[in-house]
Amino acid sequence: MSPLSESVIAFLIVLGALFVLLGSIGLARLPDFLTRLHGPTKATTLGVGAMLLASAIFFTSDGHGGISLHELAILFFLFITAPVTAHLLAKAALHRQQAGVAGAGDTPDAGAETADSGT
């Protein structure tokens, strides 16, 4: 293996580890659910993607033959499913917040209707 490919692999692994660490800290430290959602879906996805790319380069340059399709398939599905999952989680959280506000009965007309119905 050439020193250039070893340097690229090491750089991608360190970069991926830093992104995963940053995403995990964001998941633990951000204040609410919608901002916490950015940690695993943005930074951690990039971190895992960088590590998978480093793995694909390692097994390609190791002399085993062709490119490693397993890592590239995982990378492709990770980058496709992570944004979709984040979008669905955010929509569910917003729907739940809106249902909680609408179901509280804090509107001024709700009290007027109950007072008029007893008369």
PDB file of N, CA and C in Angstrom:
ATOM      1  N   MET A   1       0.862  -1.173   0.000  1.00  0.00           N
ATOM      2  CA  MET A   1       0.000   0.000   0.000  1.00  0.00           C
ATOM      3  C   MET A   1       0.904   1.231   0.000  1.00  0.00           C
ATOM      4  N   SER A   2       0.542   2.217  -0.793  1.00  0.00           N
ATOM      5  CA  SER A   2       1.378   3.407  -0.925  1.00  0.00           C
ATOM      6  C   SER A   2       1.163   4.356   0.266  1.00  0.00           C
ATOM      7  N   PRO A   3       2.161   5.164   0.549  1.00  0.00           N
ATOM      8  CA  PRO A   3       2.007   6.131   1.647  1.00  0.00           C
ATOM      9  C   PRO A   3       0.892   7.145   1.391  1.00  0.00           C
ATOM     10  N   LEU A   4       0.636   7.472   0.128  1.00  0.00           N
ATOM     11  CA  LEU A   4      -0.435   8.407  -0.183  1.00  0.00           C
ATOM     12  C   LEU A   4      -1.803   7.831   0.188  1.00  0.00           C
ATOM     13  N   SER A   5      -2.040   6.569  -0.174  1.00  0.00           N
ATOM     14  CA  SER A   5      -3.333   5.964   0.167  1.00  0.00           C
ATOM     15  C   SER A   5      -3.470   5.768   1.675  1.00  0.00           C
ATOM     16  N   GLU A   6      -2.372   5.457   2.353  1.00  0.00           N
ATOM     17  CA  GLU A   6      -2.418   5.344   3.808  1.00  0.00           C
ATOM     18  C   GLU A   6      -2.745   6.687   4.457  1.00  0.00           C
ATOM     19  N   SER A   7      -2.189   7.760   3.903  1.00  0.00           N
ATOM     20  CA  SER A   7      -2.472   9.096   4.442  1.00  0.00           C
ATOM     21  C   SER A   7      -3.926   9.483   4.216  1.00  0.00           C
ATOM     22  N   VAL A   8      -4.456   9.184   3.045  1.00  0.00           N
ATOM     23  CA  VAL A   8      -5.859   9.489   2.753  1.00  0.00           C
ATOM     24  C   VAL A   8      -6.779   8.687   3.661  1.00  0.00           C
ATOM     25  N   ILE A   9      -6.469   7.419   3.852  1.00  0.00           N
ATOM     26  CA  ILE A   9      -7.292   6.568   4.719  1.00  0.00           C
ATOM     27  C   ILE A   9      -7.241   7.075   6.160  1.00  0.00           C
ATOM     28  N   ALA A  10      -6.055   7.421   6.638  1.00  0.00           N
ATOM     29  CA  ALA A  10      -5.928   7.926   8.010  1.00  0.00           C
ATOM     30  C   ALA A  10      -6.679   9.245   8.170  1.00  0.00           C
ATOM     31  N   PHE A  11      -6.580  10.130   7.176  1.00  0.00           N
ATOM     32  CA  PHE A  11      -7.293  11.404   7.232  1.00  0.00           C
ATOM     33  C   PHE A  11      -8.800  11.180   7.274  1.00  0.00           C
ATOM     34  N   LEU A  12      -9.311  10.283   6.440  1.00  0.00           N
ATOM     35  CA  LEU A  12     -10.751  10.018   6.423  1.00  0.00           C
ATOM     36  C   LEU A  12     -11.232   9.396   7.735  1.00  0.00           C
ATOM     37  N   ILE A  13     -10.439   8.542   8.327  1.00  0.00           N
ATOM     38  CA  ILE A  13     -10.834   7.925   9.597  1.00  0.00           C
ATOM     39  C   ILE A  13     -10.868   8.966  10.718  1.00  0.00           C
ATOM     40  N   VAL A  14      -9.849   9.816  10.773  1.00  0.00           N
ATOM     41  CA  VAL A  14      -9.818  10.858  11.813  1.00  0.00           C
ATOM     42  C   VAL A  14     -10.947  11.861  11.592  1.00  0.00           C
ATOM     43  N   LEU A  15     -11.176  12.261  10.341  1.00  0.00           N
ATOM     44  CA  LEU A  15     -12.262  13.180  10.027  1.00  0.00           C
ATOM     45  C   LEU A  15     -13.611  12.566  10.385  1.00  0.00           C
ATOM     46  N   GLY A  16     -13.797  11.297  10.042  1.00  0.00           N
ATOM     47  CA  GLY A  16     -15.044  10.613  10.386  1.00  0.00           C
ATOM     48  C   GLY A  16     -15.256  10.508  11.882  1.00  0.00           C
ATOM     49  N   ALA A  17     -14.180  10.208  12.610  1.00  0.00           N
ATOM     50  CA  ALA A  17     -14.296  10.106  14.064  1.00  0.00           C
ATOM     51  C   ALA A  17     -14.650  11.457  14.683  1.00  0.00           C
ATOM     52  N   LEU A  18     -14.075  12.537  14.158  1.00  0.00           N
ATOM     53  CA  LEU A  18     -14.399  13.867  14.675  1.00  0.00           C
ATOM     54  C   LEU A  18     -15.848  14.240  14.394  1.00  0.00           C
ATOM     55  N   PHE A  19     -16.338  13.915  13.191  1.00  0.00           N
ATOM     56  CA  PHE A  19     -17.740  14.196  12.877  1.00  0.00           C
ATOM     57  C   PHE A  19     -18.681  13.370  13.748  1.00  0.00           C
ATOM     58  N   VAL A  20     -18.351  12.109  13.988  1.00  0.00           N
ATOM     59  CA  VAL A  20     -19.191  11.271  14.849  1.00  0.00           C
ATOM     60  C   VAL A  20     -19.188  11.810  16.281  1.00  0.00           C
ATOM     61  N   LEU A  21     -18.029  12.222  16.763  1.00  0.00           N
ATOM     62  CA  LEU A  21     -17.948  12.803  18.103  1.00  0.00           C
ATOM     63  C   LEU A  21     -18.762  14.090  18.191  1.00  0.00           C
ATOM     64  N   LEU A  22     -18.642  14.946  17.191  1.00  0.00           N
ATOM     65  CA  LEU A  22     -19.399  16.198  17.180  1.00  0.00           C
ATOM     66  C   LEU A  22     -20.903  15.938  17.132  1.00  0.00           C
ATOM     67  N   GLY A  23     -21.330  14.980  16.324  1.00  0.00           N
ATOM     68  CA  GLY A  23     -22.751  14.644  16.261  1.00  0.00           C
ATOM     69  C   GLY A  23     -23.268  14.058  17.564  1.00  0.00           C
ATOM     70  N   SER A  24     -22.457  13.263  18.226  1.00  0.00           N
ATOM     71  CA  SER A  24     -22.868  12.680  19.503  1.00  0.00           C
ATOM     72  C   SER A  24     -22.957  13.732  20.599  1.00  0.00           C
ATOM     73  N   ILE A  25     -22.021  14.667  20.597  1.00  0.00           N
ATOM     74  CA  ILE A  25     -22.085  15.759  21.572  1.00  0.00           C
ATOM     75  C   ILE A  25     -23.313  16.620  21.307  1.00  0.00           C
ATOM     76  N   GLY A  26     -23.596  16.874  20.029  1.00  0.00           N
ATOM     77  CA  GLY A  26     -24.792  17.638  19.685  1.00  0.00           C
ATOM     78  C   GLY A  26     -26.063  16.943  20.121  1.00  0.00           C
ATOM     79  N   LEU A  27     -26.094  15.632  19.992  1.00  0.00           N
ATOM     80  CA  LEU A  27     -27.265  14.864  20.426  1.00  0.00           C
ATOM     81  C   LEU A  27     -27.465  14.974  21.930  1.00  0.00           C
ATOM     82  N   ALA A  28     -26.390  14.999  22.670  1.00  0.00           N
ATOM     83  CA  ALA A  28     -26.489  15.049  24.126  1.00  0.00           C
ATOM     84  C   ALA A  28     -26.714  16.462  24.664  1.00  0.00           C
ATOM     85  N   ARG A  29     -26.194  17.481  23.990  1.00  0.00           N
ATOM     86  CA  ARG A  29     -26.170  18.812  24.576  1.00  0.00           C
ATOM     87  C   ARG A  29     -27.209  19.799  24.047  1.00  0.00           C
ATOM     88  N   LEU A  30     -27.762  19.574  22.869  1.00  0.00           N
ATOM     89  CA  LEU A  30     -28.695  20.558  22.321  1.00  0.00           C
ATOM     90  C   LEU A  30     -30.010  20.544  23.095  1.00  0.00           C
ATOM     91  N   PRO A  31     -30.736  21.664  23.138  1.00  0.00           N
ATOM     92  CA  PRO A  31     -31.834  21.816  24.090  1.00  0.00           C
ATOM     93  C   PRO A  31     -33.122  21.049  23.784  1.00  0.00           C
ATOM     94  N   ASP A  32     -33.589  21.013  22.554  1.00  0.00           N
ATOM     95  CA  ASP A  32     -34.867  20.362  22.305  1.00  0.00           C
ATOM     96  C   ASP A  32     -34.745  19.337  21.181  1.00  0.00           C
ATOM     97  N   PHE A  33     -35.844  18.651  20.922  1.00  0.00           N
ATOM     98  CA  PHE A  33     -35.817  17.521  20.006  1.00  0.00           C
ATOM     99  C   PHE A  33     -35.450  17.930  18.585  1.00  0.00           C
ATOM    100  N   LEU A  34     -36.018  19.007  18.100  1.00  0.00           N
ATOM    101  CA  LEU A  34     -35.781  19.385  16.711  1.00  0.00           C
ATOM    102  C   LEU A  34     -34.344  19.828  16.465  1.00  0.00           C
ATOM    103  N   THR A  35     -33.716  20.484  17.422  1.00  0.00           N
ATOM    104  CA  THR A  35     -32.305  20.825  17.251  1.00  0.00           C
ATOM    105  C   THR A  35     -31.415  19.625  17.533  1.00  0.00           C
ATOM    106  N   ARG A  36     -31.833  18.743  18.419  1.00  0.00           N
ATOM    107  CA  ARG A  36     -31.078  17.517  18.681  1.00  0.00           C
ATOM    108  C   ARG A  36     -31.058  16.588  17.477  1.00  0.00           C
ATOM    109  N   LEU A  37     -32.036  16.711  16.640  1.00  0.00           N
ATOM    110  CA  LEU A  37     -32.145  15.855  15.464  1.00  0.00           C
ATOM    111  C   LEU A  37     -31.007  16.103  14.479  1.00  0.00           C
ATOM    112  N   HIS A  38     -30.417  17.301  14.496  1.00  0.00           N
ATOM    113  CA  HIS A  38     -29.356  17.622  13.549  1.00  0.00           C
ATOM    114  C   HIS A  38     -28.071  16.856  13.834  1.00  0.00           C
ATOM    115  N   GLY A  39     -27.797  16.536  15.085  1.00  0.00           N
ATOM    116  CA  GLY A  39     -26.561  15.832  15.424  1.00  0.00           C
ATOM    117  C   GLY A  39     -26.407  14.501  14.710  1.00  0.00           C
ATOM    118  N   PRO A  40     -27.327  13.578  14.918  1.00  0.00           N
ATOM    119  CA  PRO A  40     -27.156  12.285  14.258  1.00  0.00           C
ATOM    120  C   PRO A  40     -27.416  12.312  12.755  1.00  0.00           C
ATOM    121  N   THR A  41     -28.241  13.229  12.282  1.00  0.00           N
ATOM    122  CA  THR A  41     -28.570  13.181  10.860  1.00  0.00           C
ATOM    123  C   THR A  41     -27.588  13.942   9.991  1.00  0.00           C
ATOM    124  N   LYS A  42     -26.910  14.896  10.523  1.00  0.00           N
ATOM    125  CA  LYS A  42     -25.972  15.663   9.710  1.00  0.00           C
ATOM    126  C   LYS A  42     -24.532  15.209   9.961  1.00  0.00           C
ATOM    127  N   ALA A  43     -24.038  15.500  11.139  1.00  0.00           N
ATOM    128  CA  ALA A  43     -22.624  15.261  11.425  1.00  0.00           C
ATOM    129  C   ALA A  43     -22.290  13.769  11.505  1.00  0.00           C
ATOM    130  N   THR A  44     -23.119  13.001  12.178  1.00  0.00           N
ATOM    131  CA  THR A  44     -22.821  11.594  12.333  1.00  0.00           C
ATOM    132  C   THR A  44     -22.913  10.854  11.004  1.00  0.00           C
ATOM    133  N   THR A  45     -23.841  11.250  10.148  1.00  0.00           N
ATOM    134  CA  THR A  45     -23.939  10.631   8.835  1.00  0.00           C
ATOM    135  C   THR A  45     -22.681  10.912   8.015  1.00  0.00           C
ATOM    136  N   LEU A  46     -22.183  12.144   8.064  1.00  0.00           N
ATOM    137  CA  LEU A  46     -20.941  12.456   7.364  1.00  0.00           C
ATOM    138  C   LEU A  46     -19.759  11.694   7.957  1.00  0.00           C
ATOM    139  N   GLY A  47     -19.742  11.542   9.274  1.00  0.00           N
ATOM    140  CA  GLY A  47     -18.652  10.814   9.917  1.00  0.00           C
ATOM    141  C   GLY A  47     -18.623   9.343   9.543  1.00  0.00           C
ATOM    142  N   VAL A  48     -19.766   8.712   9.594  1.00  0.00           N
ATOM    143  CA  VAL A  48     -19.833   7.296   9.216  1.00  0.00           C
ATOM    144  C   VAL A  48     -19.536   7.142   7.729  1.00  0.00           C
ATOM    145  N   GLY A  49     -19.995   8.103   6.918  1.00  0.00           N
ATOM    146  CA  GLY A  49     -19.701   8.067   5.496  1.00  0.00           C
ATOM    147  C   GLY A  49     -18.207   8.172   5.213  1.00  0.00           C
ATOM    148  N   ALA A  50     -17.510   9.040   5.939  1.00  0.00           N
ATOM    149  CA  ALA A  50     -16.062   9.167   5.759  1.00  0.00           C
ATOM    150  C   ALA A  50     -15.341   7.881   6.164  1.00  0.00           C
ATOM    151  N   MET A  51     -15.796   7.251   7.235  1.00  0.00           N
ATOM    152  CA  MET A  51     -15.163   5.997   7.645  1.00  0.00           C
ATOM    153  C   MET A  51     -15.436   4.866   6.661  1.00  0.00           C
ATOM    154  N   LEU A  52     -16.638   4.822   6.124  1.00  0.00           N
ATOM    155  CA  LEU A  52     -16.940   3.805   5.108  1.00  0.00           C
ATOM    156  C   LEU A  52     -16.145   4.043   3.831  1.00  0.00           C
ATOM    157  N   LEU A  53     -15.958   5.290   3.467  1.00  0.00           N
ATOM    158  CA  LEU A  53     -15.143   5.598   2.303  1.00  0.00           C
ATOM    159  C   LEU A  53     -13.686   5.199   2.541  1.00  0.00           C
ATOM    160  N   ALA A  54     -13.195   5.422   3.740  1.00  0.00           N
ATOM    161  CA  ALA A  54     -11.840   4.984   4.080  1.00  0.00           C
ATOM    162  C   ALA A  54     -11.729   3.460   4.002  1.00  0.00           C
ATOM    163  N   SER A  55     -12.746   2.762   4.460  1.00  0.00           N
ATOM    164  CA  SER A  55     -12.742   1.298   4.373  1.00  0.00           C
ATOM    165  C   SER A  55     -12.756   0.822   2.931  1.00  0.00           C
ATOM    166  N   ALA A  56     -13.550   1.485   2.088  1.00  0.00           N
ATOM    167  CA  ALA A  56     -13.601   1.107   0.672  1.00  0.00           C
ATOM    168  C   ALA A  56     -12.255   1.353  -0.004  1.00  0.00           C
ATOM    169  N   ILE A  57     -11.598   2.466   0.318  1.00  0.00           N
ATOM    170  CA  ILE A  57     -10.280   2.746  -0.253  1.00  0.00           C
ATOM    171  C   ILE A  57      -9.260   1.731   0.243  1.00  0.00           C
ATOM    172  N   PHE A  58      -9.335   1.370   1.517  1.00  0.00           N
ATOM    173  CA  PHE A  58      -8.391   0.402   2.074  1.00  0.00           C
ATOM    174  C   PHE A  58      -8.504  -0.939   1.373  1.00  0.00           C
ATOM    175  N   PHE A  59      -9.727  -1.435   1.217  1.00  0.00           N
ATOM    176  CA  PHE A  59      -9.873  -2.745   0.609  1.00  0.00           C
ATOM    177  C   PHE A  59      -9.659  -2.716  -0.902  1.00  0.00           C
ATOM    178  N   THR A  60      -9.757  -1.556  -1.524  1.00  0.00           N
ATOM    179  CA  THR A  60      -9.444  -1.437  -2.944  1.00  0.00           C
ATOM    180  C   THR A  60      -7.937  -1.419  -3.154  1.00  0.00           C
ATOM    181  N   SER A  61      -7.223  -0.656  -2.338  1.00  0.00           N
ATOM    182  CA  SER A  61      -5.777  -0.524  -2.514  1.00  0.00           C
ATOM    183  C   SER A  61      -4.991  -1.640  -1.850  1.00  0.00           C
ATOM    184  N   ASP A  62      -5.677  -2.549  -1.166  1.00  0.00           N
ATOM    185  CA  ASP A  62      -4.996  -3.643  -0.479  1.00  0.00           C
ATOM    186  C   ASP A  62      -4.564  -4.747  -1.437  1.00  0.00           C
ATOM    187  N   GLY A  63      -5.019  -4.692  -2.664  1.00  0.00           N
ATOM    188  CA  GLY A  63      -4.614  -5.698  -3.635  1.00  0.00           C
ATOM    189  C   GLY A  63      -5.597  -6.842  -3.766  1.00  0.00           C
ATOM    190  N   HIS A  64      -6.823  -6.664  -3.249  1.00  0.00           N
ATOM    191  CA  HIS A  64      -7.827  -7.724  -3.338  1.00  0.00           C
ATOM    192  C   HIS A  64      -8.534  -7.748  -4.684  1.00  0.00           C
ATOM    193  N   GLY A  65      -8.238  -6.821  -5.549  1.00  0.00           N
ATOM    194  CA  GLY A  65      -8.901  -6.815  -6.848  1.00  0.00           C
ATOM    195  C   GLY A  65      -9.671  -5.531  -7.053  1.00  0.00           C
ATOM    196  N   GLY A  66     -10.984  -5.636  -7.267  1.00  0.00           N
ATOM    197  CA  GLY A  66     -11.824  -4.489  -7.597  1.00  0.00           C
ATOM    198  C   GLY A  66     -12.230  -3.679  -6.390  1.00  0.00           C
ATOM    199  N   ILE A  67     -13.102  -2.754  -6.664  1.00  0.00           N
ATOM    200  CA  ILE A  67     -13.600  -1.865  -5.615  1.00  0.00           C
ATOM    201  C   ILE A  67     -14.572  -2.627  -4.709  1.00  0.00           C
ATOM    202  N   SER A  68     -14.582  -2.274  -3.456  1.00  0.00           N
ATOM    203  CA  SER A  68     -15.447  -2.933  -2.488  1.00  0.00           C
ATOM    204  C   SER A  68     -16.864  -2.371  -2.599  1.00  0.00           C
ATOM    205  N   LEU A  69     -17.758  -3.153  -3.126  1.00  0.00           N
ATOM    206  CA  LEU A  69     -19.124  -2.684  -3.329  1.00  0.00           C
ATOM    207  C   LEU A  69     -19.951  -2.716  -2.053  1.00  0.00           C
ATOM    208  N   HIS A  70     -19.552  -3.511  -1.075  1.00  0.00           N
ATOM    209  CA  HIS A  70     -20.313  -3.569   0.177  1.00  0.00           C
ATOM    210  C   HIS A  70     -20.305  -2.223   0.891  1.00  0.00           C
ATOM    211  N   GLU A  71     -19.130  -1.623   1.020  1.00  0.00           N
ATOM    212  CA  GLU A  71     -19.030  -0.337   1.697  1.00  0.00           C
ATOM    213  C   GLU A  71     -19.733   0.759   0.907  1.00  0.00           C
ATOM    214  N   LEU A  72     -19.611   0.710  -0.418  1.00  0.00           N
ATOM    215  CA  LEU A  72     -20.280   1.733  -1.231  1.00  0.00           C
ATOM    216  C   LEU A  72     -21.796   1.588  -1.178  1.00  0.00           C
ATOM    217  N   ALA A  73     -22.305   0.370  -1.102  1.00  0.00           N
ATOM    218  CA  ALA A  73     -23.756   0.168  -0.974  1.00  0.00           C
ATOM    219  C   ALA A  73     -24.254   0.681   0.366  1.00  0.00           C
ATOM    220  N   ILE A  74     -23.509   0.398   1.431  1.00  0.00           N
ATOM    221  CA  ILE A  74     -23.882   0.901   2.754  1.00  0.00           C
ATOM    222  C   ILE A  74     -23.853   2.427   2.765  1.00  0.00           C
ATOM    223  N   LEU A  75     -22.818   3.010   2.152  1.00  0.00           N
ATOM    224  CA  LEU A  75     -22.695   4.463   2.076  1.00  0.00           C
ATOM    225  C   LEU A  75     -23.860   5.067   1.310  1.00  0.00           C
ATOM    226  N   PHE A  76     -24.235   4.459   0.197  1.00  0.00           N
ATOM    227  CA  PHE A  76     -25.357   4.955  -0.599  1.00  0.00           C
ATOM    228  C   PHE A  76     -26.659   4.910   0.196  1.00  0.00           C
ATOM    229  N   PHE A  77     -26.957   3.778   0.820  1.00  0.00           N
ATOM    230  CA  PHE A  77     -28.201   3.658   1.572  1.00  0.00           C
ATOM    231  C   PHE A  77     -28.206   4.538   2.816  1.00  0.00           C
ATOM    232  N   LEU A  78     -27.054   4.754   3.415  1.00  0.00           N
ATOM    233  CA  LEU A  78     -26.966   5.655   4.564  1.00  0.00           C
ATOM    234  C   LEU A  78     -27.310   7.080   4.166  1.00  0.00           C
ATOM    235  N   PHE A  79     -26.745   7.543   3.059  1.00  0.00           N
ATOM    236  CA  PHE A  79     -27.003   8.913   2.618  1.00  0.00           C
ATOM    237  C   PHE A  79     -28.411   9.093   2.072  1.00  0.00           C
ATOM    238  N   ILE A  80     -29.062   8.017   1.656  1.00  0.00           N
ATOM    239  CA  ILE A  80     -30.440   8.117   1.186  1.00  0.00           C
ATOM    240  C   ILE A  80     -31.417   8.064   2.363  1.00  0.00           C
ATOM    241  N   THR A  81     -31.196   7.158   3.307  1.00  0.00           N
ATOM    242  CA  THR A  81     -32.179   6.950   4.373  1.00  0.00           C
ATOM    243  C   THR A  81     -32.068   7.947   5.527  1.00  0.00           C
ATOM    244  N   ALA A  82     -30.901   8.487   5.806  1.00  0.00           N
ATOM    245  CA  ALA A  82     -30.754   9.404   6.939  1.00  0.00           C
ATOM    246  C   ALA A  82     -31.580  10.679   6.776  1.00  0.00           C
ATOM    247  N   PRO A  83     -31.566  11.354   5.637  1.00  0.00           N
ATOM    248  CA  PRO A  83     -32.415  12.544   5.510  1.00  0.00           C
ATOM    249  C   PRO A  83     -33.909  12.224   5.525  1.00  0.00           C
ATOM    250  N   VAL A  84     -34.289  11.100   4.948  1.00  0.00           N
ATOM    251  CA  VAL A  84     -35.701  10.717   4.942  1.00  0.00           C
ATOM    252  C   VAL A  84     -36.172  10.436   6.363  1.00  0.00           C
ATOM    253  N   THR A  85     -35.366   9.733   7.130  1.00  0.00           N
ATOM    254  CA  THR A  85     -35.706   9.439   8.519  1.00  0.00           C
ATOM    255  C   THR A  85     -35.792  10.717   9.343  1.00  0.00           C
ATOM    256  N   ALA A  86     -34.846  11.623   9.153  1.00  0.00           N
ATOM    257  CA  ALA A  86     -34.870  12.892   9.887  1.00  0.00           C
ATOM    258  C   ALA A  86     -36.117  13.697   9.525  1.00  0.00           C
ATOM    259  N   HIS A  87     -36.485  13.703   8.253  1.00  0.00           N
ATOM    260  CA  HIS A  87     -37.675  14.426   7.836  1.00  0.00           C
ATOM    261  C   HIS A  87     -38.932  13.842   8.477  1.00  0.00           C
ATOM    262  N   LEU A  88     -39.039  12.520   8.497  1.00  0.00           N
ATOM    263  CA  LEU A  88     -40.212  11.886   9.106  1.00  0.00           C
ATOM    264  C   LEU A  88     -40.271  12.133  10.617  1.00  0.00           C
ATOM    265  N   LEU A  89     -39.129  12.083  11.280  1.00  0.00           N
ATOM    266  CA  LEU A  89     -39.107  12.360  12.717  1.00  0.00           C
ATOM    267  C   LEU A  89     -39.491  13.812  13.011  1.00  0.00           C
ATOM    268  N   ALA A  90     -38.995  14.736  12.189  1.00  0.00           N
ATOM    269  CA  ALA A  90     -39.337  16.148  12.392  1.00  0.00           C
ATOM    270  C   ALA A  90     -40.818  16.397  12.140  1.00  0.00           C
ATOM    271  N   LYS A  91     -41.370  15.786  11.087  1.00  0.00           N
ATOM    272  CA  LYS A  91     -42.802  15.945  10.812  1.00  0.00           C
ATOM    273  C   LYS A  91     -43.647  15.367  11.946  1.00  0.00           C
ATOM    274  N   ALA A  92     -43.248  14.224  12.486  1.00  0.00           N
ATOM    275  CA  ALA A  92     -43.987  13.637  13.600  1.00  0.00           C
ATOM    276  C   ALA A  92     -43.910  14.528  14.839  1.00  0.00           C
ATOM    277  N   ALA A  93     -42.749  15.115  15.095  1.00  0.00           N
ATOM    278  CA  ALA A  93     -42.609  16.004  16.252  1.00  0.00           C
ATOM    279  C   ALA A  93     -43.449  17.264  16.083  1.00  0.00           C
ATOM    280  N   LEU A  94     -43.446  17.834  14.887  1.00  0.00           N
ATOM    281  CA  LEU A  94     -44.270  19.026  14.647  1.00  0.00           C
ATOM    282  C   LEU A  94     -45.755  18.699  14.740  1.00  0.00           C
ATOM    283  N   HIS A  95     -46.149  17.552  14.233  1.00  0.00           N
ATOM    284  CA  HIS A  95     -47.554  17.138  14.329  1.00  0.00           C
ATOM    285  C   HIS A  95     -47.963  16.950  15.787  1.00  0.00           C
ATOM    286  N   ARG A  96     -47.065  16.388  16.550  1.00  0.00           N
ATOM    287  CA  ARG A  96     -47.363  16.167  17.969  1.00  0.00           C
ATOM    288  C   ARG A  96     -47.447  17.485  18.728  1.00  0.00           C
ATOM    289  N   GLN A  97     -46.587  18.450  18.390  1.00  0.00           N
ATOM    290  CA  GLN A  97     -46.654  19.767  19.031  1.00  0.00           C
ATOM    291  C   GLN A  97     -47.943  20.489  18.666  1.00  0.00           C
ATOM    292  N   GLN A  98     -48.344  20.415  17.414  1.00  0.00           N
ATOM    293  CA  GLN A  98     -49.572  21.074  16.983  1.00  0.00           C
ATOM    294  C   GLN A  98     -50.793  20.418  17.598  1.00  0.00           C
ATOM    295  N   ALA A  99     -50.787  19.119  17.752  1.00  0.00           N
ATOM    296  CA  ALA A  99     -51.915  18.428  18.375  1.00  0.00           C
ATOM    297  C   ALA A  99     -52.008  18.782  19.857  1.00  0.00           C
ATOM    298  N   GLY A 100     -50.887  18.960  20.499  1.00  0.00           N
ATOM    299  CA  GLY A 100     -50.894  19.340  21.908  1.00  0.00           C
ATOM    300  C   GLY A 100     -51.421  20.749  22.118  1.00  0.00           C
ATOM    301  N   VAL A 101     -51.104  21.666  21.242  1.00  0.00           N
ATOM    302  CA  VAL A 101     -51.586  23.045  21.356  1.00  0.00           C
ATOM    303  C   VAL A 101     -53.068  23.115  21.033  1.00  0.00           C
ATOM    304  N   ALA A 102     -53.520  22.426  19.996  1.00  0.00           N
ATOM    305  CA  ALA A 102     -54.924  22.479  19.599  1.00  0.00           C
ATOM    306  C   ALA A 102     -55.816  21.754  20.593  1.00  0.00           C
ATOM    307  N   GLY A 103     -55.320  20.735  21.242  1.00  0.00           N
ATOM    308  CA  GLY A 103     -56.134  19.966  22.175  1.00  0.00           C
ATOM    309  C   GLY A 103     -56.191  20.544  23.567  1.00  0.00           C
ATOM    310  N   ALA A 104     -55.472  21.643  23.822  1.00  0.00           N
ATOM    311  CA  ALA A 104     -55.420  22.192  25.176  1.00  0.00           C
ATOM    312  C   ALA A 104     -56.679  22.968  25.535  1.00  0.00           C
ATOM    313  N   GLY A 105     -57.428  23.458  24.541  1.00  0.00           N
ATOM    314  CA  GLY A 105     -58.642  24.214  24.836  1.00  0.00           C
ATOM    315  C   GLY A 105     -58.368  25.611  25.326  1.00  0.00           C
ATOM    316  N   ASP A 106     -57.269  26.218  24.919  1.00  0.00           N
ATOM    317  CA  ASP A 106     -56.900  27.547  25.368  1.00  0.00           C
ATOM    318  C   ASP A 106     -57.526  28.648  24.528  1.00  0.00           C
ATOM    319  N   THR A 107     -58.335  28.309  23.550  1.00  0.00           N
ATOM    320  CA  THR A 107     -58.930  29.340  22.708  1.00  0.00           C
ATOM    321  C   THR A 107     -60.027  30.060  23.478  1.00  0.00           C
ATOM    322  N   PRO A 108     -60.237  31.368  23.257  1.00  0.00           N
ATOM    323  CA  PRO A 108     -61.263  32.101  23.998  1.00  0.00           C
ATOM    324  C   PRO A 108     -62.681  31.657  23.636  1.00  0.00           C
ATOM    325  N   ASP A 109     -62.868  31.130  22.430  1.00  0.00           N
ATOM    326  CA  ASP A 109     -64.205  30.692  22.037  1.00  0.00           C
ATOM    327  C   ASP A 109     -64.633  29.407  22.742  1.00  0.00           C
ATOM    328  N   ALA A 110     -63.684  28.611  23.207  1.00  0.00           N
ATOM    329  CA  ALA A 110     -64.033  27.345  23.854  1.00  0.00           C
ATOM    330  C   ALA A 110     -64.771  27.595  25.168  1.00  0.00           C
ATOM    331  N   GLY A 111     -64.364  28.607  25.923  1.00  0.00           N
ATOM    332  CA  GLY A 111     -65.045  28.912  27.174  1.00  0.00           C
ATOM    333  C   GLY A 111     -66.421  29.509  26.944  1.00  0.00           C
ATOM    334  N   ALA A 112     -66.550  30.289  25.879  1.00  0.00           N
ATOM    335  CA  ALA A 112     -67.834  30.909  25.580  1.00  0.00           C
ATOM    336  C   ALA A 112     -68.874  29.865  25.158  1.00  0.00           C
ATOM    337  N   GLU A 113     -68.427  28.848  24.448  1.00  0.00           N
ATOM    338  CA  GLU A 113     -69.356  27.807  24.001  1.00  0.00           C
ATOM    339  C   GLU A 113     -69.872  26.998  25.187  1.00  0.00           C
ATOM    340  N   THR A 114     -69.028  26.715  26.147  1.00  0.00           N
ATOM    341  CA  THR A 114     -69.480  25.929  27.298  1.00  0.00           C
ATOM    342  C   THR A 114     -70.391  26.745  28.190  1.00  0.00           C
ATOM    343  N   ALA A 115     -70.167  28.056  28.283  1.00  0.00           N
ATOM    344  CA  ALA A 115     -71.035  28.898  29.106  1.00  0.00           C
ATOM    345  C   ALA A 115     -72.428  29.048  28.438  1.00  0.00           C
ATOM    346  N   ASP A 116     -72.478  29.141  27.135  1.00  0.00           N
ATOM    347  CA  ASP A 116     -73.742  29.303  26.452  1.00  0.00           C
ATOM    348  C   ASP A 116     -74.535  28.005  26.400  1.00  0.00           C
ATOM    349  N   SER A 117     -73.858  26.875  26.419  1.00  0.00           N
ATOM    350  CA  SER A 117     -74.594  25.621  26.292  1.00  0.00           C
ATOM    351  C   SER A 117     -75.357  25.272  27.578  1.00  0.00           C
ATOM    352  N   GLY A 118     -74.957  25.839  28.710  1.00  0.00           N
ATOM    353  CA  GLY A 118     -75.637  25.533  29.961  1.00  0.00           C
ATOM    354  C   GLY A 118     -76.897  26.386  30.144  1.00  0.00           C
ATOM    355  N   THR A 119     -77.096  27.415  29.377  1.00  0.00           N
ATOM    356  CA  THR A 119     -78.211  28.315  29.570  1.00  0.00           C
ATOM    357  C   THR A 119     -79.443  27.882  28.843  1.00  0.00           C
TER     358      THR A 119
END
